[in-house]
Amino acid sequence: MDCIFCAIIKGDIPSKKVYEDDMCYAFHDINPQAPVHCLIVPKEHIPSADAVCEESCSAVAHIFSTIPKIDPLAFLPLFSSPR
């Protein structure tokens, strides 16, 4: 079953991509709650945290190892103001 994140990854719902590799996709939140707010989701559909299992834990672990690789400068165009 697909979810909103699956539709974003497939490109059915537009997003502002920050990072992508073969296992995860990072994008700006449509309704940010902080000056820098992006979501990083696995490309493998995992319906909830309760659904993480031995087969999907590598996808979740990959997200955490990817966070330091995301270039902080990718956020600047969204939050910098013209002078």
Protein backbone atom coordinates (compact mmCIF):
# COMPACT_ATOMS: atom_id res chain seq x y z
CA MET A 1 0.00 0.00 0.00
CA ASP A 2 1.33 3.43 -0.92
CA CYS A 3 1.36 6.46 1.35
CA ILE A 4 2.00 10.19 0.92
CA PHE A 5 5.75 9.62 1.24
CA CYS A 6 5.69 6.94 -1.46
CA ALA A 7 3.86 9.41 -3.74
CA ILE A 8 6.49 12.10 -3.01
CA ILE A 9 9.33 9.68 -3.75
CA LYS A 10 7.67 8.63 -7.04
CA GLY A 11 7.23 12.29 -8.01
CA ASP A 12 3.43 12.13 -7.98
CA ILE A 13 3.45 14.87 -5.32
CA PRO A 14 5.96 17.69 -5.88
CA SER A 15 8.69 18.29 -3.31
CA LYS A 16 11.86 20.32 -2.85
CA LYS A 17 14.52 17.63 -2.77
CA VAL A 18 17.50 18.08 -0.46
CA TYR A 19 19.14 14.66 -0.89
CA GLU A 20 18.47 11.33 -2.56
CA ASP A 21 20.22 7.99 -2.82
CA ASP A 22 19.08 4.46 -3.55
CA MET A 23 17.65 3.93 -0.02
CA CYS A 24 16.29 7.29 1.15
CA TYR A 25 14.88 10.63 0.04
CA ALA A 26 15.16 13.95 1.93
CA PHE A 27 12.99 16.96 1.21
CA HIS A 28 11.81 20.24 2.71
CA ASP A 29 8.74 19.97 4.89
CA ILE A 30 5.72 21.65 3.28
CA ASN A 31 4.79 23.14 6.67
CA PRO A 32 8.10 23.69 8.50
CA GLN A 33 8.00 23.98 12.27
CA ALA A 34 11.59 25.25 12.53
CA PRO A 35 13.88 27.43 10.38
CA VAL A 36 15.48 24.24 9.02
CA HIS A 37 12.99 21.40 8.74
CA CYS A 38 13.32 18.55 6.30
CA LEU A 39 12.08 15.00 6.28
CA ILE A 40 14.22 11.99 5.46
CA VAL A 41 12.22 8.92 4.54
CA PRO A 42 13.15 5.44 3.40
CA LYS A 43 12.34 4.53 -0.19
CA GLU A 44 11.12 1.20 1.14
CA HIS A 45 7.52 1.60 2.32
CA ILE A 46 7.41 1.22 6.11
CA PRO A 47 3.91 2.14 7.29
CA SER A 48 4.85 3.05 10.89
CA ALA A 49 7.56 2.80 13.52
CA ASP A 50 5.75 -0.29 14.82
CA ALA A 51 6.30 -1.91 11.42
CA VAL A 52 10.11 -1.66 11.57
CA CYS A 53 11.39 -5.21 11.63
CA GLU A 54 14.59 -7.13 10.99
CA GLU A 55 14.09 -6.82 7.21
CA SER A 56 13.58 -3.03 7.29
CA CYS A 57 15.95 -1.98 10.07
CA SER A 58 18.81 -1.49 7.59
CA ALA A 59 16.73 1.16 5.77
CA VAL A 60 16.12 3.00 9.04
CA ALA A 61 19.78 2.73 10.05
CA HIS A 62 20.78 4.09 6.63
CA ILE A 63 18.71 7.23 7.27
CA PHE A 64 20.67 7.95 10.45
CA SER A 65 24.01 7.37 8.73
CA THR A 66 22.90 9.68 5.90
CA ILE A 67 21.98 12.68 8.06
CA PRO A 68 25.61 13.91 8.44
CA LYS A 69 26.09 13.66 4.66
CA ILE A 70 23.34 16.15 3.83
CA ASP A 71 24.87 19.47 2.88
CA PRO A 72 23.59 22.22 5.22
CA LEU A 73 23.96 24.68 2.33
CA ALA A 74 21.05 22.91 0.62
CA PHE A 75 18.76 24.72 3.07
CA LEU A 76 20.03 28.26 2.41
CA PRO A 77 17.98 29.15 -0.68
CA LEU A 78 14.79 28.38 1.21
CA PHE A 79 15.60 30.59 4.20
CA SER A 80 17.91 33.35 2.96
CA SER A 81 16.30 36.68 2.32
CA PRO A 82 17.32 39.12 -0.42
CA ARG A 83 19.29 42.14 0.77
